[in-house]
Amino acid sequence: MLLLISHLKNLKAGLWDYNIDLDILECDATWHDLLGIGPGMMRSIADFRPFIFPDDVDRATAIDPESVNAMIELDEQYHVDFRVVRSDGQVRWWRSVASLIVDSHHHRRAIGCVTDTTDLHRGDLDPAPAAPPPPERVVPDIASRLSGREIECLRWVSIGKTAWETSRIVEISQRTVEFHLSNAARKLEAKNKVHAAVIAVRAGII
């Protein structure tokens, strides 16, 4: 397992926010860059489907209302691996992780991160695991709320790692990882650990 995630030190996370009830998709500049298209081109799932590898369209975009409601009720996170076809014709693997919430307008939303994991599928791996490097620009107020270990754990959440996988990578117990993630979510006023990771990515912390 550790060898399979060793290359993740160089990954960038692209943010997305999908309003399930209104079918409105908002993605940041990094998300668009990973797909090789200009910012603001994605406004709905229908806009995204042509960029998904044909065999993976259903897996990447299927929405079952009952499953969505159950995941919101149980505070479960969503994750999926699928292929995209960039604007230059390259086929790339993406991992998408998300938090499912109900917003202040009572709309169901999925808020998450995507990373390009093509090297994982090709076996192009680095010799030892390391967390992704910190960003160049950080929002000081939010950054000052979190400890270094909390930020480190959030980095791994942003690329789809479980608490157990993170514990193996950073060599602390799973319970300690969960403790750090719980503290980070509380400090960032997030609904859960994925939501906290999204806030941290948006703020430039990870």
N, C-alpha and C. Protein backbone atom coordinates (compact mmCIF):
# COMPACT_ATOMS: atom_id res chain seq x y z
N MET A 1 0.82 -1.21 0.00
CA MET A 1 0.00 0.00 0.00
C MET A 1 0.85 1.26 0.00
N LEU A 2 1.93 1.24 0.81
CA LEU A 2 2.77 2.43 0.88
C LEU A 2 3.43 2.73 -0.46
N LEU A 3 3.85 1.69 -1.19
CA LEU A 3 4.47 1.91 -2.49
C LEU A 3 3.49 2.51 -3.48
N LEU A 4 2.23 2.11 -3.38
CA LEU A 4 1.24 2.60 -4.33
C LEU A 4 0.93 4.08 -4.19
N ILE A 5 1.23 4.66 -3.03
CA ILE A 5 0.91 6.07 -2.85
C ILE A 5 2.14 6.94 -2.73
N SER A 6 3.30 6.38 -3.00
CA SER A 6 4.54 7.13 -2.79
C SER A 6 4.69 8.32 -3.74
N HIS A 7 4.08 8.26 -4.92
CA HIS A 7 4.23 9.35 -5.89
C HIS A 7 3.37 10.55 -5.57
N LEU A 8 2.53 10.50 -4.56
CA LEU A 8 1.52 11.53 -4.33
C LEU A 8 2.10 12.87 -3.88
N LYS A 9 3.40 12.91 -3.63
CA LYS A 9 4.00 14.16 -3.15
C LYS A 9 3.87 15.31 -4.17
N ASN A 10 3.67 14.98 -5.43
CA ASN A 10 3.62 16.03 -6.45
C ASN A 10 2.21 16.33 -6.95
N LEU A 11 1.20 15.75 -6.34
CA LEU A 11 -0.16 15.93 -6.84
C LEU A 11 -0.73 17.30 -6.49
N LYS A 12 -1.56 17.81 -7.42
CA LYS A 12 -2.32 19.03 -7.17
C LYS A 12 -3.78 18.64 -7.01
N ALA A 13 -4.49 19.33 -6.15
CA ALA A 13 -5.91 19.05 -5.95
C ALA A 13 -6.74 20.14 -6.62
N GLY A 14 -7.70 19.71 -7.44
CA GLY A 14 -8.66 20.62 -8.03
C GLY A 14 -9.96 20.53 -7.27
N LEU A 15 -10.57 21.67 -6.99
CA LEU A 15 -11.81 21.70 -6.19
C LEU A 15 -13.05 21.73 -7.08
N TRP A 16 -14.10 21.05 -6.60
CA TRP A 16 -15.38 21.09 -7.29
C TRP A 16 -16.51 21.13 -6.26
N ASP A 17 -17.60 21.74 -6.68
CA ASP A 17 -18.78 21.91 -5.82
C ASP A 17 -19.99 21.66 -6.70
N TYR A 18 -20.71 20.59 -6.42
CA TYR A 18 -21.85 20.22 -7.26
C TYR A 18 -23.15 20.31 -6.47
N ASN A 19 -24.04 21.19 -6.91
CA ASN A 19 -25.37 21.29 -6.33
C ASN A 19 -26.23 20.22 -7.00
N ILE A 20 -26.50 19.15 -6.27
CA ILE A 20 -27.20 18.00 -6.83
C ILE A 20 -28.62 18.37 -7.24
N ASP A 21 -29.28 19.17 -6.43
CA ASP A 21 -30.69 19.48 -6.69
C ASP A 21 -30.87 20.45 -7.86
N LEU A 22 -29.91 21.35 -8.08
CA LEU A 22 -30.01 22.32 -9.17
C LEU A 22 -29.15 21.95 -10.37
N ASP A 23 -28.37 20.88 -10.27
CA ASP A 23 -27.44 20.46 -11.32
C ASP A 23 -26.52 21.61 -11.73
N ILE A 24 -25.88 22.22 -10.73
CA ILE A 24 -24.91 23.29 -10.99
C ILE A 24 -23.54 22.80 -10.52
N LEU A 25 -22.58 22.78 -11.44
CA LEU A 25 -21.23 22.34 -11.14
C LEU A 25 -20.28 23.53 -11.21
N GLU A 26 -19.54 23.75 -10.12
CA GLU A 26 -18.55 24.82 -10.08
C GLU A 26 -17.20 24.19 -9.78
N CYS A 27 -16.19 24.53 -10.60
CA CYS A 27 -14.86 23.95 -10.44
C CYS A 27 -13.82 25.07 -10.47
N ASP A 28 -12.76 24.90 -9.68
CA ASP A 28 -11.75 25.96 -9.62
C ASP A 28 -10.77 25.85 -10.79
N ALA A 29 -9.81 26.79 -10.85
CA ALA A 29 -8.86 26.85 -11.96
C ALA A 29 -7.99 25.60 -12.04
N THR A 30 -7.59 25.06 -10.89
CA THR A 30 -6.75 23.87 -10.89
C THR A 30 -7.51 22.69 -11.49
N TRP A 31 -8.79 22.54 -11.16
CA TRP A 31 -9.62 21.48 -11.74
C TRP A 31 -9.63 21.59 -13.26
N HIS A 32 -9.88 22.81 -13.77
CA HIS A 32 -9.90 23.02 -15.21
C HIS A 32 -8.53 22.74 -15.83
N ASP A 33 -7.47 23.14 -15.12
CA ASP A 33 -6.12 22.90 -15.62
C ASP A 33 -5.82 21.40 -15.73
N LEU A 34 -6.27 20.62 -14.75
CA LEU A 34 -6.07 19.18 -14.80
C LEU A 34 -6.76 18.56 -16.02
N LEU A 35 -7.85 19.19 -16.46
CA LEU A 35 -8.58 18.68 -17.62
C LEU A 35 -8.08 19.32 -18.93
N GLY A 36 -7.24 20.36 -18.78
CA GLY A 36 -6.69 21.01 -19.96
C GLY A 36 -7.65 21.93 -20.67
N ILE A 37 -8.56 22.54 -19.92
CA ILE A 37 -9.53 23.46 -20.53
C ILE A 37 -9.51 24.78 -19.77
N GLY A 38 -10.13 25.79 -20.37
CA GLY A 38 -10.17 27.11 -19.75
C GLY A 38 -11.11 27.17 -18.56
N PRO A 39 -10.83 28.05 -17.59
CA PRO A 39 -11.68 28.20 -16.41
C PRO A 39 -13.12 28.55 -16.79
N GLY A 40 -14.05 28.05 -15.99
CA GLY A 40 -15.45 28.41 -16.15
C GLY A 40 -16.22 27.64 -17.22
N MET A 41 -15.59 26.64 -17.82
CA MET A 41 -16.27 25.91 -18.90
C MET A 41 -17.26 24.88 -18.38
N MET A 42 -17.14 24.47 -17.12
CA MET A 42 -18.04 23.47 -16.56
C MET A 42 -19.14 24.14 -15.75
N ARG A 43 -20.38 23.86 -16.13
CA ARG A 43 -21.50 24.43 -15.39
C ARG A 43 -22.49 23.37 -14.94
N SER A 44 -22.36 22.15 -15.47
CA SER A 44 -23.27 21.07 -15.10
C SER A 44 -22.59 19.73 -15.37
N ILE A 45 -23.21 18.66 -14.90
CA ILE A 45 -22.68 17.32 -15.17
C ILE A 45 -22.72 17.04 -16.67
N ALA A 46 -23.72 17.57 -17.37
CA ALA A 46 -23.81 17.37 -18.81
C ALA A 46 -22.60 17.96 -19.53
N ASP A 47 -22.07 19.08 -19.02
CA ASP A 47 -20.87 19.67 -19.61
C ASP A 47 -19.65 18.78 -19.40
N PHE A 48 -19.63 18.05 -18.28
CA PHE A 48 -18.47 17.24 -17.93
C PHE A 48 -18.46 15.88 -18.65
N ARG A 49 -19.63 15.33 -18.91
CA ARG A 49 -19.70 13.97 -19.47
C ARG A 49 -18.84 13.76 -20.72
N PRO A 50 -18.79 14.69 -21.68
CA PRO A 50 -17.98 14.45 -22.88
C PRO A 50 -16.49 14.29 -22.59
N PHE A 51 -16.03 14.73 -21.43
CA PHE A 51 -14.62 14.63 -21.07
C PHE A 51 -14.31 13.36 -20.28
N ILE A 52 -15.32 12.56 -19.98
CA ILE A 52 -15.12 11.33 -19.22
C ILE A 52 -14.94 10.17 -20.19
N PHE A 53 -13.99 9.30 -19.91
CA PHE A 53 -13.77 8.13 -20.75
C PHE A 53 -15.10 7.35 -20.86
N PRO A 54 -15.52 6.97 -22.07
CA PRO A 54 -16.85 6.40 -22.26
C PRO A 54 -17.23 5.27 -21.30
N ASP A 55 -16.29 4.35 -21.02
CA ASP A 55 -16.61 3.23 -20.13
C ASP A 55 -16.83 3.66 -18.69
N ASP A 56 -16.41 4.88 -18.34
CA ASP A 56 -16.46 5.33 -16.94
C ASP A 56 -17.54 6.37 -16.67
N VAL A 57 -18.30 6.74 -17.70
CA VAL A 57 -19.27 7.82 -17.52
C VAL A 57 -20.26 7.51 -16.41
N ASP A 58 -20.85 6.32 -16.42
CA ASP A 58 -21.86 5.99 -15.41
C ASP A 58 -21.26 5.99 -14.01
N ARG A 59 -20.07 5.40 -13.88
CA ARG A 59 -19.45 5.34 -12.56
C ARG A 59 -19.13 6.73 -12.03
N ALA A 60 -18.70 7.62 -12.90
CA ALA A 60 -18.28 8.96 -12.46
C ALA A 60 -19.43 9.91 -12.22
N THR A 61 -20.59 9.67 -12.84
CA THR A 61 -21.67 10.66 -12.77
C THR A 61 -22.99 10.15 -12.22
N ALA A 62 -23.11 8.84 -12.00
CA ALA A 62 -24.39 8.29 -11.52
C ALA A 62 -24.76 8.88 -10.17
N ILE A 63 -26.02 9.27 -10.04
CA ILE A 63 -26.52 9.83 -8.78
C ILE A 63 -27.78 9.08 -8.40
N ASP A 64 -27.70 8.34 -7.31
CA ASP A 64 -28.86 7.63 -6.78
C ASP A 64 -29.38 8.42 -5.58
N PRO A 65 -30.57 9.01 -5.69
CA PRO A 65 -31.08 9.87 -4.61
C PRO A 65 -31.10 9.18 -3.24
N GLU A 66 -31.49 7.91 -3.21
CA GLU A 66 -31.53 7.21 -1.93
C GLU A 66 -30.14 7.06 -1.32
N SER A 67 -29.16 6.74 -2.16
CA SER A 67 -27.78 6.61 -1.67
C SER A 67 -27.24 7.95 -1.20
N VAL A 68 -27.56 9.01 -1.93
CA VAL A 68 -27.11 10.35 -1.54
C VAL A 68 -27.68 10.71 -0.17
N ASN A 69 -28.98 10.49 0.01
CA ASN A 69 -29.61 10.81 1.28
C ASN A 69 -29.02 9.99 2.43
N ALA A 70 -28.76 8.72 2.17
CA ALA A 70 -28.18 7.86 3.20
C ALA A 70 -26.77 8.31 3.57
N MET A 71 -25.99 8.70 2.57
CA MET A 71 -24.62 9.16 2.84
C MET A 71 -24.61 10.45 3.63
N ILE A 72 -25.56 11.35 3.32
CA ILE A 72 -25.67 12.59 4.09
C ILE A 72 -26.04 12.27 5.54
N GLU A 73 -27.02 11.39 5.71
CA GLU A 73 -27.49 11.05 7.06
C GLU A 73 -26.39 10.39 7.88
N LEU A 74 -25.59 9.53 7.25
CA LEU A 74 -24.54 8.80 7.95
C LEU A 74 -23.20 9.53 7.94
N ASP A 75 -23.16 10.71 7.32
CA ASP A 75 -21.92 11.49 7.21
C ASP A 75 -20.81 10.67 6.57
N GLU A 76 -21.16 9.96 5.50
CA GLU A 76 -20.18 9.16 4.78
C GLU A 76 -19.58 9.97 3.63
N GLN A 77 -18.32 9.70 3.32
CA GLN A 77 -17.66 10.38 2.23
C GLN A 77 -17.78 9.56 0.94
N TYR A 78 -17.72 10.28 -0.16
CA TYR A 78 -17.82 9.68 -1.49
C TYR A 78 -16.43 9.68 -2.12
N HIS A 79 -16.08 8.62 -2.80
CA HIS A 79 -14.86 8.64 -3.59
C HIS A 79 -15.01 7.69 -4.78
N VAL A 80 -14.36 8.06 -5.88
CA VAL A 80 -14.43 7.23 -7.08
C VAL A 80 -13.18 7.47 -7.92
N ASP A 81 -12.69 6.42 -8.57
CA ASP A 81 -11.58 6.51 -9.52
C ASP A 81 -12.16 6.33 -10.93
N PHE A 82 -11.80 7.19 -11.84
CA PHE A 82 -12.30 7.09 -13.22
C PHE A 82 -11.32 7.78 -14.16
N ARG A 83 -11.53 7.56 -15.45
CA ARG A 83 -10.65 8.17 -16.45
C ARG A 83 -11.34 9.36 -17.12
N VAL A 84 -10.52 10.35 -17.43
CA VAL A 84 -10.99 11.50 -18.20
C VAL A 84 -10.17 11.59 -19.48
N VAL A 85 -10.73 12.26 -20.47
CA VAL A 85 -10.02 12.52 -21.72
C VAL A 85 -9.79 14.03 -21.78
N ARG A 86 -8.54 14.42 -21.61
CA ARG A 86 -8.21 15.84 -21.64
C ARG A 86 -8.47 16.45 -23.01
N SER A 87 -8.47 17.76 -23.07
CA SER A 87 -8.74 18.44 -24.33
C SER A 87 -7.67 18.13 -25.38
N ASP A 88 -6.45 17.73 -24.94
CA ASP A 88 -5.39 17.38 -25.90
C ASP A 88 -5.43 15.91 -26.30
N GLY A 89 -6.46 15.18 -25.83
CA GLY A 89 -6.63 13.78 -26.19
C GLY A 89 -6.01 12.78 -25.23
N GLN A 90 -5.24 13.25 -24.25
CA GLN A 90 -4.65 12.34 -23.27
C GLN A 90 -5.73 11.72 -22.39
N VAL A 91 -5.60 10.43 -22.14
CA VAL A 91 -6.49 9.76 -21.19
C VAL A 91 -5.77 9.73 -19.85
N ARG A 92 -6.40 10.28 -18.83
CA ARG A 92 -5.80 10.38 -17.50
C ARG A 92 -6.73 9.77 -16.47
N TRP A 93 -6.15 9.19 -15.41
CA TRP A 93 -6.94 8.69 -14.29
C TRP A 93 -7.12 9.80 -13.27
N TRP A 94 -8.34 9.93 -12.75
CA TRP A 94 -8.64 10.88 -11.68
C TRP A 94 -9.18 10.12 -10.48
N ARG A 95 -8.84 10.63 -9.30
CA ARG A 95 -9.50 10.19 -8.07
C ARG A 95 -10.27 11.38 -7.53
N SER A 96 -11.54 11.17 -7.27
CA SER A 96 -12.40 12.24 -6.75
C SER A 96 -12.93 11.83 -5.39
N VAL A 97 -12.78 12.73 -4.41
CA VAL A 97 -13.32 12.51 -3.07
C VAL A 97 -14.22 13.68 -2.72
N ALA A 98 -15.28 13.42 -1.97
CA ALA A 98 -16.23 14.50 -1.69
C ALA A 98 -16.95 14.28 -0.37
N SER A 99 -17.42 15.39 0.14
CA SER A 99 -18.29 15.42 1.31
C SER A 99 -19.69 15.77 0.83
N LEU A 100 -20.69 15.04 1.28
CA LEU A 100 -22.08 15.32 0.91
C LEU A 100 -22.75 16.08 2.05
N ILE A 101 -23.32 17.23 1.72
CA ILE A 101 -23.92 18.08 2.74
C ILE A 101 -25.27 18.61 2.27
N VAL A 102 -26.01 19.19 3.20
CA VAL A 102 -27.21 19.96 2.88
C VAL A 102 -26.89 21.40 3.26
N ASP A 103 -26.98 22.33 2.29
CA ASP A 103 -26.59 23.71 2.57
C ASP A 103 -27.72 24.51 3.21
N SER A 104 -27.47 25.79 3.40
CA SER A 104 -28.45 26.64 4.10
C SER A 104 -29.74 26.84 3.30
N HIS A 105 -29.71 26.53 2.00
CA HIS A 105 -30.93 26.62 1.17
C HIS A 105 -31.62 25.26 1.05
N HIS A 106 -31.16 24.29 1.85
CA HIS A 106 -31.70 22.93 1.86
C HIS A 106 -31.44 22.19 0.55
N HIS A 107 -30.39 22.59 -0.14
CA HIS A 107 -29.96 21.88 -1.34
C HIS A 107 -28.89 20.86 -0.98
N ARG A 108 -28.97 19.69 -1.59
CA ARG A 108 -27.93 18.67 -1.39
C ARG A 108 -26.75 19.01 -2.29
N ARG A 109 -25.56 19.00 -1.69
CA ARG A 109 -24.36 19.35 -2.44
C ARG A 109 -23.25 18.35 -2.16
N ALA A 110 -22.44 18.14 -3.17
CA ALA A 110 -21.20 17.36 -3.02
C ALA A 110 -20.06 18.33 -3.23
N ILE A 111 -19.18 18.44 -2.23
CA ILE A 111 -18.05 19.36 -2.29
C ILE A 111 -16.79 18.52 -2.17
N GLY A 112 -15.91 18.62 -3.17
CA GLY A 112 -14.77 17.71 -3.13
C GLY A 112 -13.53 18.18 -3.86
N CYS A 113 -12.58 17.25 -3.97
CA CYS A 113 -11.29 17.47 -4.62
C CYS A 113 -11.06 16.36 -5.64
N VAL A 114 -10.36 16.69 -6.72
CA VAL A 114 -9.88 15.67 -7.65
C VAL A 114 -8.37 15.77 -7.76
N THR A 115 -7.73 14.63 -7.95
CA THR A 115 -6.30 14.59 -8.22
C THR A 115 -6.06 13.64 -9.40
N ASP A 116 -5.03 13.93 -10.16
CA ASP A 116 -4.64 13.08 -11.27
C ASP A 116 -3.77 11.96 -10.72
N THR A 117 -4.27 10.73 -10.81
CA THR A 117 -3.55 9.57 -10.25
C THR A 117 -3.06 8.63 -11.35
N THR A 118 -2.83 9.18 -12.54
CA THR A 118 -2.41 8.35 -13.67
C THR A 118 -1.16 7.55 -13.36
N ASP A 119 -0.18 8.17 -12.68
CA ASP A 119 1.07 7.47 -12.38
C ASP A 119 0.85 6.25 -11.49
N LEU A 120 -0.16 6.32 -10.63
CA LEU A 120 -0.49 5.15 -9.81
C LEU A 120 -0.85 3.96 -10.69
N HIS A 121 -1.62 4.22 -11.72
CA HIS A 121 -2.10 3.14 -12.58
C HIS A 121 -1.03 2.66 -13.54
N ARG A 122 -0.03 3.48 -13.78
CA ARG A 122 1.06 3.07 -14.66
C ARG A 122 2.20 2.42 -13.90
N GLY A 123 2.18 2.53 -12.55
CA GLY A 123 3.26 1.97 -11.76
C GLY A 123 4.47 2.88 -11.70
N ASP A 124 4.31 4.16 -12.08
CA ASP A 124 5.42 5.11 -12.03
C ASP A 124 5.49 5.69 -10.63
N LEU A 125 6.24 5.02 -9.74
CA LEU A 125 6.20 5.35 -8.33
C LEU A 125 7.55 5.86 -7.81
N ASP A 126 7.49 6.74 -6.84
CA ASP A 126 8.69 7.21 -6.15
C ASP A 126 9.10 6.18 -5.11
N PRO A 127 10.33 6.23 -4.59
CA PRO A 127 10.79 5.21 -3.66
C PRO A 127 10.19 5.26 -2.27
N ALA A 128 9.71 6.41 -1.83
CA ALA A 128 9.21 6.50 -0.45
C ALA A 128 8.05 7.49 -0.40
N PRO A 129 7.05 7.25 0.45
CA PRO A 129 5.90 8.15 0.52
C PRO A 129 6.26 9.48 1.15
N ALA A 130 5.62 10.51 0.67
CA ALA A 130 5.79 11.83 1.24
C ALA A 130 4.54 12.63 0.96
N ALA A 131 4.19 13.51 1.87
CA ALA A 131 3.00 14.32 1.68
C ALA A 131 3.23 15.33 0.56
N PRO A 132 2.15 15.77 -0.12
CA PRO A 132 2.31 16.80 -1.14
C PRO A 132 2.95 18.05 -0.54
N PRO A 133 3.77 18.78 -1.30
CA PRO A 133 4.43 19.96 -0.75
C PRO A 133 3.44 21.05 -0.42
N PRO A 134 3.76 21.90 0.56
CA PRO A 134 2.85 23.00 0.90
C PRO A 134 2.76 23.99 -0.24
N PRO A 135 1.63 24.69 -0.37
CA PRO A 135 1.46 25.65 -1.44
C PRO A 135 2.29 26.90 -1.21
N GLU A 136 2.40 27.72 -2.26
CA GLU A 136 3.18 28.94 -2.13
C GLU A 136 2.43 30.02 -1.38
N ARG A 137 1.11 30.07 -1.57
CA ARG A 137 0.33 31.11 -0.92
C ARG A 137 -0.64 30.49 0.08
N VAL A 138 -0.65 31.05 1.28
CA VAL A 138 -1.48 30.50 2.34
C VAL A 138 -2.30 31.62 2.96
N VAL A 139 -3.55 31.34 3.29
CA VAL A 139 -4.38 32.30 4.02
C VAL A 139 -3.99 32.22 5.49
N PRO A 140 -3.30 33.26 6.03
CA PRO A 140 -2.73 33.16 7.37
C PRO A 140 -3.73 32.84 8.47
N ASP A 141 -4.92 33.46 8.43
CA ASP A 141 -5.87 33.27 9.52
C ASP A 141 -6.26 31.82 9.66
N ILE A 142 -6.57 31.16 8.54
CA ILE A 142 -6.97 29.76 8.59
C ILE A 142 -5.78 28.88 8.91
N ALA A 143 -4.62 29.18 8.33
CA ALA A 143 -3.43 28.36 8.57
C ALA A 143 -3.04 28.37 10.03
N SER A 144 -3.22 29.50 10.71
CA SER A 144 -2.80 29.61 12.10
C SER A 144 -3.68 28.78 13.04
N ARG A 145 -4.85 28.36 12.57
CA ARG A 145 -5.74 27.56 13.42
C ARG A 145 -5.29 26.11 13.52
N LEU A 146 -4.51 25.66 12.54
CA LEU A 146 -4.20 24.23 12.43
C LEU A 146 -2.76 23.93 12.81
N SER A 147 -2.56 22.77 13.42
CA SER A 147 -1.20 22.31 13.70
C SER A 147 -0.61 21.70 12.43
N GLY A 148 0.71 21.53 12.44
CA GLY A 148 1.37 20.92 11.31
C GLY A 148 0.86 19.51 11.04
N ARG A 149 0.60 18.75 12.09
CA ARG A 149 0.13 17.38 11.93
C ARG A 149 -1.29 17.36 11.37
N GLU A 150 -2.13 18.31 11.79
CA GLU A 150 -3.49 18.39 11.26
C GLU A 150 -3.46 18.70 9.77
N ILE A 151 -2.59 19.61 9.36
CA ILE A 151 -2.46 19.94 7.94
C ILE A 151 -1.97 18.73 7.15
N GLU A 152 -0.99 18.02 7.72
CA GLU A 152 -0.46 16.84 7.05
C GLU A 152 -1.55 15.79 6.82
N CYS A 153 -2.36 15.55 7.83
CA CYS A 153 -3.45 14.57 7.71
C CYS A 153 -4.49 15.03 6.69
N LEU A 154 -4.79 16.32 6.67
CA LEU A 154 -5.75 16.85 5.70
C LEU A 154 -5.23 16.71 4.28
N ARG A 155 -3.93 16.85 4.07
CA ARG A 155 -3.36 16.67 2.73
C ARG A 155 -3.69 15.28 2.20
N TRP A 156 -3.56 14.27 3.07
CA TRP A 156 -3.81 12.91 2.60
C TRP A 156 -5.30 12.67 2.38
N VAL A 157 -6.16 13.30 3.19
CA VAL A 157 -7.60 13.19 2.96
C VAL A 157 -7.95 13.78 1.59
N SER A 158 -7.30 14.88 1.23
CA SER A 158 -7.64 15.57 -0.03
C SER A 158 -7.35 14.71 -1.25
N ILE A 159 -6.52 13.68 -1.11
CA ILE A 159 -6.26 12.79 -2.23
C ILE A 159 -6.82 11.40 -2.00
N GLY A 160 -7.80 11.33 -1.09
CA GLY A 160 -8.60 10.12 -0.97
C GLY A 160 -8.09 9.05 -0.04
N LYS A 161 -7.13 9.36 0.80
CA LYS A 161 -6.59 8.36 1.72
C LYS A 161 -7.47 8.24 2.97
N THR A 162 -7.66 7.04 3.45
CA THR A 162 -8.41 6.80 4.67
C THR A 162 -7.53 7.11 5.88
N ALA A 163 -8.14 7.14 7.06
CA ALA A 163 -7.37 7.37 8.28
C ALA A 163 -6.35 6.26 8.48
N TRP A 164 -6.73 5.02 8.16
CA TRP A 164 -5.80 3.91 8.31
C TRP A 164 -4.61 4.05 7.37
N GLU A 165 -4.88 4.38 6.09
CA GLU A 165 -3.80 4.56 5.13
C GLU A 165 -2.88 5.70 5.55
N THR A 166 -3.48 6.80 6.03
CA THR A 166 -2.68 7.93 6.49
C THR A 166 -1.81 7.54 7.67
N SER A 167 -2.36 6.73 8.56
CA SER A 167 -1.58 6.31 9.74
C SER A 167 -0.34 5.53 9.33
N ARG A 168 -0.46 4.74 8.27
CA ARG A 168 0.69 3.98 7.79
C ARG A 168 1.73 4.90 7.15
N ILE A 169 1.25 5.92 6.45
CA ILE A 169 2.15 6.84 5.75
C ILE A 169 2.93 7.70 6.73
N VAL A 170 2.23 8.30 7.69
CA VAL A 170 2.89 9.24 8.60
C VAL A 170 3.39 8.58 9.88
N GLU A 171 3.15 7.26 9.99
CA GLU A 171 3.68 6.45 11.08
C GLU A 171 3.19 6.89 12.46
N ILE A 172 1.88 7.11 12.53
CA ILE A 172 1.21 7.30 13.80
C ILE A 172 -0.02 6.40 13.80
N SER A 173 -0.69 6.27 14.93
CA SER A 173 -1.83 5.35 14.99
C SER A 173 -3.04 5.92 14.25
N GLN A 174 -3.93 5.03 13.84
CA GLN A 174 -5.15 5.45 13.17
C GLN A 174 -5.97 6.34 14.09
N ARG A 175 -6.02 6.00 15.36
CA ARG A 175 -6.77 6.81 16.32
C ARG A 175 -6.22 8.23 16.40
N THR A 176 -4.89 8.35 16.34
CA THR A 176 -4.28 9.68 16.38
C THR A 176 -4.60 10.47 15.12
N VAL A 177 -4.59 9.81 13.97
CA VAL A 177 -4.98 10.47 12.72
C VAL A 177 -6.41 10.97 12.83
N GLU A 178 -7.31 10.13 13.30
CA GLU A 178 -8.70 10.52 13.45
C GLU A 178 -8.85 11.69 14.42
N PHE A 179 -8.03 11.69 15.47
CA PHE A 179 -8.03 12.79 16.43
C PHE A 179 -7.64 14.10 15.75
N HIS A 180 -6.57 14.07 14.95
CA HIS A 180 -6.12 15.27 14.25
C HIS A 180 -7.16 15.75 13.25
N LEU A 181 -7.78 14.82 12.53
CA LEU A 181 -8.79 15.20 11.55
C LEU A 181 -10.03 15.78 12.21
N SER A 182 -10.41 15.20 13.34
CA SER A 182 -11.56 15.72 14.08
C SER A 182 -11.28 17.14 14.58
N ASN A 183 -10.07 17.36 15.09
CA ASN A 183 -9.70 18.70 15.54
C ASN A 183 -9.68 19.69 14.39
N ALA A 184 -9.15 19.27 13.25
CA ALA A 184 -9.09 20.16 12.09
C ALA A 184 -10.50 20.53 11.63
N ALA A 185 -11.40 19.55 11.58
CA ALA A 185 -12.77 19.83 11.16
C ALA A 185 -13.44 20.80 12.12
N ARG A 186 -13.20 20.61 13.41
CA ARG A 186 -13.79 21.52 14.40
C ARG A 186 -13.24 22.93 14.25
N LYS A 187 -11.94 23.06 14.09
CA LYS A 187 -11.31 24.38 13.97
C LYS A 187 -11.75 25.11 12.71
N LEU A 188 -12.00 24.36 11.65
CA LEU A 188 -12.40 24.98 10.39
C LEU A 188 -13.91 25.06 10.23
N GLU A 189 -14.63 24.64 11.28
CA GLU A 189 -16.09 24.64 11.28
C GLU A 189 -16.63 23.86 10.08
N ALA A 190 -15.99 22.73 9.80
CA ALA A 190 -16.38 21.87 8.69
C ALA A 190 -17.32 20.78 9.18
N LYS A 191 -18.10 20.23 8.26
CA LYS A 191 -19.05 19.19 8.62
C LYS A 191 -18.37 17.84 8.83
N ASN A 192 -17.23 17.62 8.17
CA ASN A 192 -16.50 16.37 8.32
C ASN A 192 -15.09 16.57 7.77
N LYS A 193 -14.30 15.49 7.72
CA LYS A 193 -12.89 15.63 7.35
C LYS A 193 -12.71 16.02 5.89
N VAL A 194 -13.55 15.53 4.98
CA VAL A 194 -13.41 15.91 3.57
C VAL A 194 -13.76 17.37 3.38
N HIS A 195 -14.81 17.81 4.04
CA HIS A 195 -15.18 19.23 3.99
C HIS A 195 -14.03 20.08 4.51
N ALA A 196 -13.39 19.63 5.59
CA ALA A 196 -12.24 20.35 6.14
C ALA A 196 -11.09 20.40 5.14
N ALA A 197 -10.86 19.30 4.44
CA ALA A 197 -9.80 19.28 3.43
C ALA A 197 -10.09 20.25 2.30
N VAL A 198 -11.35 20.33 1.90
CA VAL A 198 -11.73 21.26 0.84
C VAL A 198 -11.49 22.70 1.28
N ILE A 199 -11.86 23.01 2.51
CA ILE A 199 -11.62 24.36 3.04
C ILE A 199 -10.13 24.65 3.04
N ALA A 200 -9.32 23.69 3.44
CA ALA A 200 -7.87 23.87 3.51
C ALA A 200 -7.27 24.07 2.11
N VAL A 201 -7.75 23.29 1.13
CA VAL A 201 -7.27 23.47 -0.24
C VAL A 201 -7.65 24.84 -0.76
N ARG A 202 -8.89 25.23 -0.52
CA ARG A 202 -9.36 26.53 -1.00
C ARG A 202 -8.56 27.68 -0.39
N ALA A 203 -8.14 27.50 0.86
CA ALA A 203 -7.37 28.54 1.55
C ALA A 203 -5.89 28.51 1.17
N GLY A 204 -5.47 27.51 0.40
CA GLY A 204 -4.08 27.44 0.00
C GLY A 204 -3.16 26.79 1.02
N ILE A 205 -3.75 26.10 2.00
CA ILE A 205 -2.93 25.46 3.04
C ILE A 205 -2.35 24.15 2.52
N ILE A 206 -3.14 23.43 1.70
CA ILE A 206 -2.65 22.18 1.14
C ILE A 206 -2.86 22.18 -0.37
